[in-house]
């Protein structure tokens, strides 16, 4: 049970961090400032921040026209959910 709580806490924190990175990148895009690398946004999504990335894309309407984001963000969510399912299967059951 401790592992599940830890993974859920990590998912929450990484989703908040990822959402914040997307918000910061959108703000920087409008002002012409230095941008956050797309690879950084992808890495954060795959490191348990996929839900935050998807929420940022939906609510901030940022990176929604890029095909790579349309494909990789849902893939990140699937991998994040698979990690949670694995923790439930191996450590909770």
PDB file of N, CA and C in Angstrom:
ATOM      1  N   UNK A   1       0.816  -1.195   0.000  1.00  0.00           N
ATOM      2  CA  UNK A   1       0.000   0.000   0.000  1.00  0.00           C
ATOM      3  C   UNK A   1       0.862   1.263   0.000  1.00  0.00           C
ATOM      4  N   UNK A   2       2.009   1.190   0.665  1.00  0.00           N
ATOM      5  CA  UNK A   2       2.913   2.337   0.718  1.00  0.00           C
ATOM      6  C   UNK A   2       3.414   2.689  -0.689  1.00  0.00           C
ATOM      7  N   UNK A   3       3.699   1.657  -1.494  1.00  0.00           N
ATOM      8  CA  UNK A   3       4.178   1.900  -2.852  1.00  0.00           C
ATOM      9  C   UNK A   3       3.108   2.600  -3.692  1.00  0.00           C
ATOM     10  N   UNK A   4       1.868   2.193  -3.523  1.00  0.00           N
ATOM     11  CA  UNK A   4       0.776   2.813  -4.281  1.00  0.00           C
ATOM     12  C   UNK A   4       0.631   4.281  -3.910  1.00  0.00           C
ATOM     13  N   UNK A   5       0.674   4.580  -2.632  1.00  0.00           N
ATOM     14  CA  UNK A   5       0.569   5.976  -2.184  1.00  0.00           C
ATOM     15  C   UNK A   5       1.744   6.785  -2.730  1.00  0.00           C
ATOM     16  N   UNK A   6       2.931   6.202  -2.720  1.00  0.00           N
ATOM     17  CA  UNK A   6       4.112   6.898  -3.227  1.00  0.00           C
ATOM     18  C   UNK A   6       3.983   7.178  -4.724  1.00  0.00           C
ATOM     19  N   UNK A   7       3.539   6.190  -5.481  1.00  0.00           N
ATOM     20  CA  UNK A   7       3.399   6.377  -6.928  1.00  0.00           C
ATOM     21  C   UNK A   7       2.315   7.403  -7.237  1.00  0.00           C
ATOM     22  N   UNK A   8       1.216   7.370  -6.513  1.00  0.00           N
ATOM     23  CA  UNK A   8       0.155   8.358  -6.725  1.00  0.00           C
ATOM     24  C   UNK A   8       0.622   9.767  -6.349  1.00  0.00           C
ATOM     25  N   UNK A   9       1.411   9.878  -5.286  1.00  0.00           N
ATOM     26  CA  UNK A   9       1.953  11.178  -4.890  1.00  0.00           C
ATOM     27  C   UNK A   9       2.925  11.695  -5.947  1.00  0.00           C
ATOM     28  N   UNK A  10       3.770  10.811  -6.459  1.00  0.00           N
ATOM     29  CA  UNK A  10       4.709  11.204  -7.522  1.00  0.00           C
ATOM     30  C   UNK A  10       3.946  11.637  -8.760  1.00  0.00           C
ATOM     31  N   UNK A  11       2.889  10.911  -9.094  1.00  0.00           N
ATOM     32  CA  UNK A  11       2.072  11.268 -10.258  1.00  0.00           C
ATOM     33  C   UNK A  11       1.447  12.644 -10.071  1.00  0.00           C
ATOM     34  N   UNK A  12       0.930  12.920  -8.897  1.00  0.00           N
ATOM     35  CA  UNK A  12       0.322  14.220  -8.622  1.00  0.00           C
ATOM     36  C   UNK A  12       1.354  15.343  -8.744  1.00  0.00           C
ATOM     37  N   UNK A  13       2.495  15.161  -8.102  1.00  0.00           N
ATOM     38  CA  UNK A  13       3.541  16.197  -8.125  1.00  0.00           C
ATOM     39  C   UNK A  13       4.048  16.421  -9.555  1.00  0.00           C
ATOM     40  N   UNK A  14       4.332  15.337 -10.264  1.00  0.00           N
ATOM     41  CA  UNK A  14       4.852  15.479 -11.637  1.00  0.00           C
ATOM     42  C   UNK A  14       3.813  16.077 -12.572  1.00  0.00           C
ATOM     43  N   UNK A  15       2.540  15.785 -12.348  1.00  0.00           N
ATOM     44  CA  UNK A  15       1.491  16.380 -13.178  1.00  0.00           C
ATOM     45  C   UNK A  15       1.406  17.883 -12.935  1.00  0.00           C
ATOM     46  N   UNK A  16       1.544  18.293 -11.691  1.00  0.00           N
ATOM     47  CA  UNK A  16       1.530  19.731 -11.372  1.00  0.00           C
ATOM     48  C   UNK A  16       2.750  20.417 -11.982  1.00  0.00           C
ATOM     49  N   UNK A  17       3.915  19.792 -11.858  1.00  0.00           N
ATOM     50  CA  UNK A  17       5.141  20.356 -12.433  1.00  0.00           C
ATOM     51  C   UNK A  17       5.018  20.457 -13.952  1.00  0.00           C
ATOM     52  N   UNK A  18       4.519  19.406 -14.575  1.00  0.00           N
ATOM     53  CA  UNK A  18       4.384  19.393 -16.030  1.00  0.00           C
ATOM     54  C   UNK A  18       3.392  20.445 -16.492  1.00  0.00           C
ATOM     55  N   UNK A  19       2.263  20.564 -15.817  1.00  0.00           N
ATOM     56  CA  UNK A  19       1.285  21.598 -16.148  1.00  0.00           C
ATOM     57  C   UNK A  19       1.934  22.975 -16.041  1.00  0.00           C
ATOM     58  N   UNK A  20       2.708  23.181 -14.981  1.00  0.00           N
ATOM     59  CA  UNK A  20       3.398  24.460 -14.804  1.00  0.00           C
ATOM     60  C   UNK A  20       4.398  24.750 -15.911  1.00  0.00           C
ATOM     61  N   UNK A  21       5.100  23.720 -16.378  1.00  0.00           N
ATOM     62  CA  UNK A  21       6.040  23.907 -17.487  1.00  0.00           C
ATOM     63  C   UNK A  21       5.317  24.302 -18.771  1.00  0.00           C
ATOM     64  N   UNK A  22       4.193  23.655 -19.043  1.00  0.00           N
ATOM     65  CA  UNK A  22       3.402  24.008 -20.216  1.00  0.00           C
ATOM     66  C   UNK A  22       2.898  25.452 -20.104  1.00  0.00           C
ATOM     67  N   UNK A  23       2.413  25.835 -18.914  1.00  0.00           N
ATOM     68  CA  UNK A  23       1.917  27.195 -18.704  1.00  0.00           C
ATOM     69  C   UNK A  23       3.043  28.211 -18.899  1.00  0.00           C
ATOM     70  N   UNK A  24       4.215  27.901 -18.368  1.00  0.00           N
ATOM     71  CA  UNK A  24       5.361  28.790 -18.517  1.00  0.00           C
ATOM     72  C   UNK A  24       5.777  28.912 -19.982  1.00  0.00           C
ATOM     73  N   UNK A  25       5.779  27.788 -20.683  1.00  0.00           N
ATOM     74  CA  UNK A  25       6.156  27.815 -22.096  1.00  0.00           C
ATOM     75  C   UNK A  25       5.160  28.620 -22.913  1.00  0.00           C
ATOM     76  N   UNK A  26       3.879  28.494 -22.599  1.00  0.00           N
ATOM     77  CA  UNK A  26       2.866  29.264 -23.332  1.00  0.00           C
ATOM     78  C   UNK A  26       3.050  30.764 -23.087  1.00  0.00           C
ATOM     79  N   UNK A  27       3.315  31.115 -21.846  1.00  0.00           N
ATOM     80  CA  UNK A  27       3.532  32.531 -21.518  1.00  0.00           C
ATOM     81  C   UNK A  27       4.761  33.061 -22.251  1.00  0.00           C
ATOM     82  N   UNK A  28       5.832  32.265 -22.281  1.00  0.00           N
ATOM     83  CA  UNK A  28       7.055  32.672 -22.966  1.00  0.00           C
ATOM     84  C   UNK A  28       6.842  32.769 -24.470  1.00  0.00           C
ATOM     85  N   UNK A  29       5.992  31.916 -25.020  1.00  0.00           N
ATOM     86  CA  UNK A  29       5.729  31.950 -26.466  1.00  0.00           C
ATOM     87  C   UNK A  29       5.066  33.265 -26.852  1.00  0.00           C
ATOM     88  N   UNK A  30       4.183  33.750 -26.000  1.00  0.00           N
ATOM     89  CA  UNK A  30       3.488  35.000 -26.293  1.00  0.00           C
ATOM     90  C   UNK A  30       4.377  36.219 -26.166  1.00  0.00           C
ATOM     91  N   UNK A  31       5.404  36.128 -25.332  1.00  0.00           N
ATOM     92  CA  UNK A  31       6.258  37.291 -25.117  1.00  0.00           C
ATOM     93  C   UNK A  31       7.559  37.232 -25.907  1.00  0.00           C
ATOM     94  N   UNK A  32       7.777  36.149 -26.632  1.00  0.00           N
ATOM     95  CA  UNK A  32       8.991  36.021 -27.435  1.00  0.00           C
ATOM     96  C   UNK A  32      10.228  35.687 -26.625  1.00  0.00           C
ATOM     97  N   UNK A  33      10.043  35.233 -25.398  1.00  0.00           N
ATOM     98  CA  UNK A  33      11.170  34.897 -24.529  1.00  0.00           C
ATOM     99  C   UNK A  33      11.709  33.505 -24.856  1.00  0.00           C
ATOM    100  N   UNK A  34      12.792  33.133 -24.180  1.00  0.00           N
ATOM    101  CA  UNK A  34      13.394  31.807 -24.316  1.00  0.00           C
ATOM    102  C   UNK A  34      12.364  30.760 -23.961  1.00  0.00           C
ATOM    103  N   UNK A  35      12.281  29.688 -24.758  1.00  0.00           N
ATOM    104  CA  UNK A  35      11.247  28.661 -24.610  1.00  0.00           C
ATOM    105  C   UNK A  35      11.792  27.411 -23.920  1.00  0.00           C
ATOM    106  N   UNK A  36      10.880  26.609 -23.412  1.00  0.00           N
ATOM    107  CA  UNK A  36      11.217  25.314 -22.827  1.00  0.00           C
ATOM    108  C   UNK A  36      11.297  24.303 -23.961  1.00  0.00           C
ATOM    109  N   UNK A  37      12.333  23.467 -23.962  1.00  0.00           N
ATOM    110  CA  UNK A  37      12.503  22.482 -25.024  1.00  0.00           C
ATOM    111  C   UNK A  37      11.337  21.506 -25.040  1.00  0.00           C
ATOM    112  N   UNK A  38      10.930  21.114 -26.253  1.00  0.00           N
ATOM    113  CA  UNK A  38       9.864  20.128 -26.376  1.00  0.00           C
ATOM    114  C   UNK A  38      10.267  18.812 -25.732  1.00  0.00           C
ATOM    115  N   UNK A  39      11.541  18.466 -25.841  1.00  0.00           N
ATOM    116  CA  UNK A  39      12.000  17.210 -25.228  1.00  0.00           C
ATOM    117  C   UNK A  39      11.802  17.245 -23.713  1.00  0.00           C
ATOM    118  N   UNK A  40      11.978  18.397 -23.096  1.00  0.00           N
ATOM    119  CA  UNK A  40      11.754  18.528 -21.655  1.00  0.00           C
ATOM    120  C   UNK A  40      10.285  18.289 -21.320  1.00  0.00           C
ATOM    121  N   UNK A  41       9.399  18.835 -22.140  1.00  0.00           N
ATOM    122  CA  UNK A  41       7.969  18.636 -21.921  1.00  0.00           C
ATOM    123  C   UNK A  41       7.599  17.156 -22.067  1.00  0.00           C
ATOM    124  N   UNK A  42       8.184  16.497 -23.073  1.00  0.00           N
ATOM    125  CA  UNK A  42       7.917  15.065 -23.263  1.00  0.00           C
ATOM    126  C   UNK A  42       8.454  14.235 -22.097  1.00  0.00           C
ATOM    127  N   UNK A  43       9.678  14.516 -21.673  1.00  0.00           N
ATOM    128  CA  UNK A  43      10.290  13.752 -20.582  1.00  0.00           C
ATOM    129  C   UNK A  43       9.452  13.870 -19.315  1.00  0.00           C
ATOM    130  N   UNK A  44       9.007  15.066 -19.003  1.00  0.00           N
ATOM    131  CA  UNK A  44       8.175  15.250 -17.809  1.00  0.00           C
ATOM    132  C   UNK A  44       6.861  14.486 -17.932  1.00  0.00           C
ATOM    133  N   UNK A  45       6.310  14.454 -19.131  1.00  0.00           N
ATOM    134  CA  UNK A  45       5.082  13.690 -19.349  1.00  0.00           C
ATOM    135  C   UNK A  45       5.282  12.209 -19.121  1.00  0.00           C
ATOM    136  N   UNK A  46       6.396  11.682 -19.601  1.00  0.00           N
ATOM    137  CA  UNK A  46       6.669  10.256 -19.446  1.00  0.00           C
ATOM    138  C   UNK A  46       7.123   9.898 -18.028  1.00  0.00           C
ATOM    139  N   UNK A  47       7.618  10.871 -17.276  1.00  0.00           N
ATOM    140  CA  UNK A  47       8.019  10.626 -15.885  1.00  0.00           C
ATOM    141  C   UNK A  47       6.851  10.911 -14.936  1.00  0.00           C
ATOM    142  N   UNK A  48       5.715  10.309 -15.255  1.00  0.00           N
ATOM    143  CA  UNK A  48       4.488  10.342 -14.453  1.00  0.00           C
ATOM    144  C   UNK A  48       3.762  11.684 -14.497  1.00  0.00           C
ATOM    145  N   UNK A  49       4.037  12.535 -15.496  1.00  0.00           N
ATOM    146  CA  UNK A  49       3.333  13.805 -15.614  1.00  0.00           C
ATOM    147  C   UNK A  49       2.411  13.871 -16.817  1.00  0.00           C
ATOM    148  N   UNK A  50       2.035  12.723 -17.354  1.00  0.00           N
ATOM    149  CA  UNK A  50       1.195  12.680 -18.551  1.00  0.00           C
ATOM    150  C   UNK A  50      -0.161  13.336 -18.369  1.00  0.00           C
ATOM    151  N   UNK A  51      -0.744  13.169 -17.192  1.00  0.00           N
ATOM    152  CA  UNK A  51      -2.058  13.764 -16.940  1.00  0.00           C
ATOM    153  C   UNK A  51      -1.947  15.282 -16.923  1.00  0.00           C
ATOM    154  N   UNK A  52      -0.908  15.803 -16.316  1.00  0.00           N
ATOM    155  CA  UNK A  52      -0.692  17.249 -16.307  1.00  0.00           C
ATOM    156  C   UNK A  52      -0.474  17.801 -17.701  1.00  0.00           C
ATOM    157  N   UNK A  53       0.243  17.044 -18.536  1.00  0.00           N
ATOM    158  CA  UNK A  53       0.471  17.465 -19.919  1.00  0.00           C
ATOM    159  C   UNK A  53      -0.840  17.519 -20.686  1.00  0.00           C
ATOM    160  N   UNK A  54      -1.659  16.492 -20.521  1.00  0.00           N
ATOM    161  CA  UNK A  54      -2.948  16.453 -21.220  1.00  0.00           C
ATOM    162  C   UNK A  54      -3.872  17.575 -20.747  1.00  0.00           C
ATOM    163  N   UNK A  55      -3.892  17.819 -19.445  1.00  0.00           N
ATOM    164  CA  UNK A  55      -4.726  18.904 -18.922  1.00  0.00           C
ATOM    165  C   UNK A  55      -4.249  20.261 -19.425  1.00  0.00           C
ATOM    166  N   UNK A  56      -2.945  20.441 -19.492  1.00  0.00           N
ATOM    167  CA  UNK A  56      -2.402  21.703 -20.005  1.00  0.00           C
ATOM    168  C   UNK A  56      -2.763  21.895 -21.477  1.00  0.00           C
ATOM    169  N   UNK A  57      -2.664  20.814 -22.243  1.00  0.00           N
ATOM    170  CA  UNK A  57      -3.023  20.919 -23.661  1.00  0.00           C
ATOM    171  C   UNK A  57      -4.495  21.292 -23.812  1.00  0.00           C
ATOM    172  N   UNK A  58      -5.352  20.724 -22.971  1.00  0.00           N
ATOM    173  CA  UNK A  58      -6.782  20.985 -23.083  1.00  0.00           C
ATOM    174  C   UNK A  58      -7.145  22.387 -22.587  1.00  0.00           C
ATOM    175  N   UNK A  59      -6.710  22.730 -21.385  1.00  0.00           N
ATOM    176  CA  UNK A  59      -7.160  23.976 -20.777  1.00  0.00           C
ATOM    177  C   UNK A  59      -6.354  25.198 -21.204  1.00  0.00           C
ATOM    178  N   UNK A  60      -5.080  25.018 -21.501  1.00  0.00           N
ATOM    179  CA  UNK A  60      -4.265  26.146 -21.941  1.00  0.00           C
ATOM    180  C   UNK A  60      -4.217  26.259 -23.461  1.00  0.00           C
ATOM    181  N   UNK A  61      -4.678  25.220 -24.140  1.00  0.00           N
ATOM    182  CA  UNK A  61      -4.622  25.122 -25.600  1.00  0.00           C
ATOM    183  C   UNK A  61      -3.205  25.392 -26.101  1.00  0.00           C
ATOM    184  N   UNK A  62      -2.281  24.658 -25.521  1.00  0.00           N
ATOM    185  CA  UNK A  62      -0.873  24.818 -25.871  1.00  0.00           C
ATOM    186  C   UNK A  62      -0.356  23.513 -26.456  1.00  0.00           C
ATOM    187  N   UNK A  63       0.334  23.588 -27.565  1.00  0.00           N
ATOM    188  CA  UNK A  63       0.928  22.442 -28.268  1.00  0.00           C
ATOM    189  C   UNK A  63      -0.134  21.511 -28.861  1.00  0.00           C
ATOM    190  N   UNK A  64      -1.321  22.010 -29.107  1.00  0.00           N
ATOM    191  CA  UNK A  64      -2.397  21.163 -29.604  1.00  0.00           C
ATOM    192  C   UNK A  64      -2.315  20.915 -31.109  1.00  0.00           C
ATOM    193  N   UNK A  65      -1.552  21.699 -31.836  1.00  0.00           N
ATOM    194  CA  UNK A  65      -1.450  21.520 -33.282  1.00  0.00           C
ATOM    195  C   UNK A  65      -0.270  20.642 -33.686  1.00  0.00           C
ATOM    196  N   UNK A  66       0.583  20.310 -32.730  1.00  0.00           N
ATOM    197  CA  UNK A  66       1.760  19.492 -33.021  1.00  0.00           C
ATOM    198  C   UNK A  66       1.387  18.015 -32.990  1.00  0.00           C
ATOM    199  N   UNK A  67       1.584  17.321 -34.090  1.00  0.00           N
ATOM    200  CA  UNK A  67       1.237  15.906 -34.168  1.00  0.00           C
ATOM    201  C   UNK A  67       2.012  15.080 -33.139  1.00  0.00           C
ATOM    202  N   UNK A  68       3.271  15.446 -32.897  1.00  0.00           N
ATOM    203  CA  UNK A  68       4.064  14.685 -31.929  1.00  0.00           C
ATOM    204  C   UNK A  68       3.426  14.739 -30.540  1.00  0.00           C
ATOM    205  N   UNK A  69       2.860  15.868 -30.160  1.00  0.00           N
ATOM    206  CA  UNK A  69       2.214  15.983 -28.861  1.00  0.00           C
ATOM    207  C   UNK A  69       0.884  15.231 -28.847  1.00  0.00           C
ATOM    208  N   UNK A  70       0.170  15.243 -29.967  1.00  0.00           N
ATOM    209  CA  UNK A  70      -1.101  14.516 -30.062  1.00  0.00           C
ATOM    210  C   UNK A  70      -0.894  13.013 -29.908  1.00  0.00           C
ATOM    211  N   UNK A  71       0.287  12.527 -30.281  1.00  0.00           N
ATOM    212  CA  UNK A  71       0.574  11.099 -30.193  1.00  0.00           C
ATOM    213  C   UNK A  71       1.267  10.751 -28.875  1.00  0.00           C
ATOM    214  N   UNK A  72       2.285  11.511 -28.510  1.00  0.00           N
ATOM    215  CA  UNK A  72       3.120  11.137 -27.366  1.00  0.00           C
ATOM    216  C   UNK A  72       2.491  11.426 -26.001  1.00  0.00           C
ATOM    217  N   UNK A  73       1.667  12.450 -25.895  1.00  0.00           N
ATOM    218  CA  UNK A  73       1.044  12.731 -24.594  1.00  0.00           C
ATOM    219  C   UNK A  73       0.059  11.616 -24.212  1.00  0.00           C
ATOM    220  N   UNK A  74      -0.833  11.166 -25.113  1.00  0.00           N
ATOM    221  CA  UNK A  74      -1.666  10.011 -24.743  1.00  0.00           C
ATOM    222  C   UNK A  74      -0.838   8.751 -24.458  1.00  0.00           C
ATOM    223  N   UNK A  75       0.244   8.563 -25.196  1.00  0.00           N
ATOM    224  CA  UNK A  75       1.126   7.428 -24.928  1.00  0.00           C
ATOM    225  C   UNK A  75       1.738   7.543 -23.532  1.00  0.00           C
ATOM    226  N   UNK A  76       2.132   8.742 -23.144  1.00  0.00           N
ATOM    227  CA  UNK A  76       2.679   8.961 -21.804  1.00  0.00           C
ATOM    228  C   UNK A  76       1.637   8.625 -20.739  1.00  0.00           C
ATOM    229  N   UNK A  77       0.392   9.009 -20.980  1.00  0.00           N
ATOM    230  CA  UNK A  77      -0.672   8.695 -20.020  1.00  0.00           C
ATOM    231  C   UNK A  77      -0.835   7.181 -19.902  1.00  0.00           C
ATOM    232  N   UNK A  78      -0.829   6.489 -21.025  1.00  0.00           N
ATOM    233  CA  UNK A  78      -0.956   5.031 -20.993  1.00  0.00           C
ATOM    234  C   UNK A  78       0.183   4.384 -20.210  1.00  0.00           C
ATOM    235  N   UNK A  79       1.388   4.871 -20.417  1.00  0.00           N
ATOM    236  CA  UNK A  79       2.535   4.322 -19.688  1.00  0.00           C
ATOM    237  C   UNK A  79       2.431   4.656 -18.199  1.00  0.00           C
ATOM    238  N   UNK A  80       1.999   5.870 -17.889  1.00  0.00           N
ATOM    239  CA  UNK A  80       1.803   6.249 -16.483  1.00  0.00           C
ATOM    240  C   UNK A  80       0.776   5.340 -15.815  1.00  0.00           C
ATOM    241  N   UNK A  81      -0.328   5.068 -16.510  1.00  0.00           N
ATOM    242  CA  UNK A  81      -1.356   4.188 -15.967  1.00  0.00           C
ATOM    243  C   UNK A  81      -0.852   2.755 -15.834  1.00  0.00           C
ATOM    244  N   UNK A  82      -0.011   2.329 -16.774  1.00  0.00           N
ATOM    245  CA  UNK A  82       0.571   0.981 -16.693  1.00  0.00           C
ATOM    246  C   UNK A  82       1.479   0.853 -15.472  1.00  0.00           C
ATOM    247  N   UNK A  83       2.221   1.897 -15.165  1.00  0.00           N
ATOM    248  CA  UNK A  83       3.079   1.882 -13.971  1.00  0.00           C
ATOM    249  C   UNK A  83       2.219   1.775 -12.712  1.00  0.00           C
ATOM    250  N   UNK A  84       1.143   2.553 -12.661  1.00  0.00           N
ATOM    251  CA  UNK A  84       0.251   2.496 -11.503  1.00  0.00           C
ATOM    252  C   UNK A  84      -0.372   1.106 -11.385  1.00  0.00           C
ATOM    253  N   UNK A  85      -0.823   0.551 -12.513  1.00  0.00           N
ATOM    254  CA  UNK A  85      -1.415  -0.794 -12.514  1.00  0.00           C
ATOM    255  C   UNK A  85      -0.397  -1.845 -12.065  1.00  0.00           C
ATOM    256  N   UNK A  86       0.844  -1.708 -12.487  1.00  0.00           N
ATOM    257  CA  UNK A  86       1.880  -2.646 -12.073  1.00  0.00           C
ATOM    258  C   UNK A  86       2.131  -2.569 -10.568  1.00  0.00           C
ATOM    259  N   UNK A  87       2.128  -1.373 -10.044  1.00  0.00           N
ATOM    260  CA  UNK A  87       2.322  -1.219  -8.596  1.00  0.00           C
ATOM    261  C   UNK A  87       1.159  -1.857  -7.851  1.00  0.00           C
ATOM    262  N   UNK A  88      -0.057  -1.626  -8.336  1.00  0.00           N
ATOM    263  CA  UNK A  88      -1.221  -2.245  -7.697  1.00  0.00           C
ATOM    264  C   UNK A  88      -1.108  -3.769  -7.764  1.00  0.00           C
ATOM    265  N   UNK A  89      -0.752  -4.294  -8.931  1.00  0.00           N
ATOM    266  CA  UNK A  89      -0.688  -5.740  -9.114  1.00  0.00           C
ATOM    267  C   UNK A  89       0.409  -6.389  -8.254  1.00  0.00           C
ATOM    268  N   UNK A  90       1.594  -5.790  -8.264  1.00  0.00           N
ATOM    269  CA  UNK A  90       2.727  -6.440  -7.599  1.00  0.00           C
ATOM    270  C   UNK A  90       2.860  -6.110  -6.113  1.00  0.00           C
ATOM    271  N   UNK A  91       2.369  -4.959  -5.685  1.00  0.00           N
ATOM    272  CA  UNK A  91       2.613  -4.554  -4.302  1.00  0.00           C
ATOM    273  C   UNK A  91       1.357  -4.429  -3.442  1.00  0.00           C
ATOM    274  N   UNK A  92       0.193  -4.341  -4.064  1.00  0.00           N
ATOM    275  CA  UNK A  92      -1.027  -4.178  -3.278  1.00  0.00           C
ATOM    276  C   UNK A  92      -1.810  -5.480  -3.216  1.00  0.00           C
ATOM    277  N   UNK A  93      -1.865  -6.199  -4.307  1.00  0.00           N
ATOM    278  CA  UNK A  93      -2.659  -7.437  -4.356  1.00  0.00           C
ATOM    279  C   UNK A  93      -2.001  -8.550  -3.577  1.00  0.00           C
TER     280      UNK A  93
END
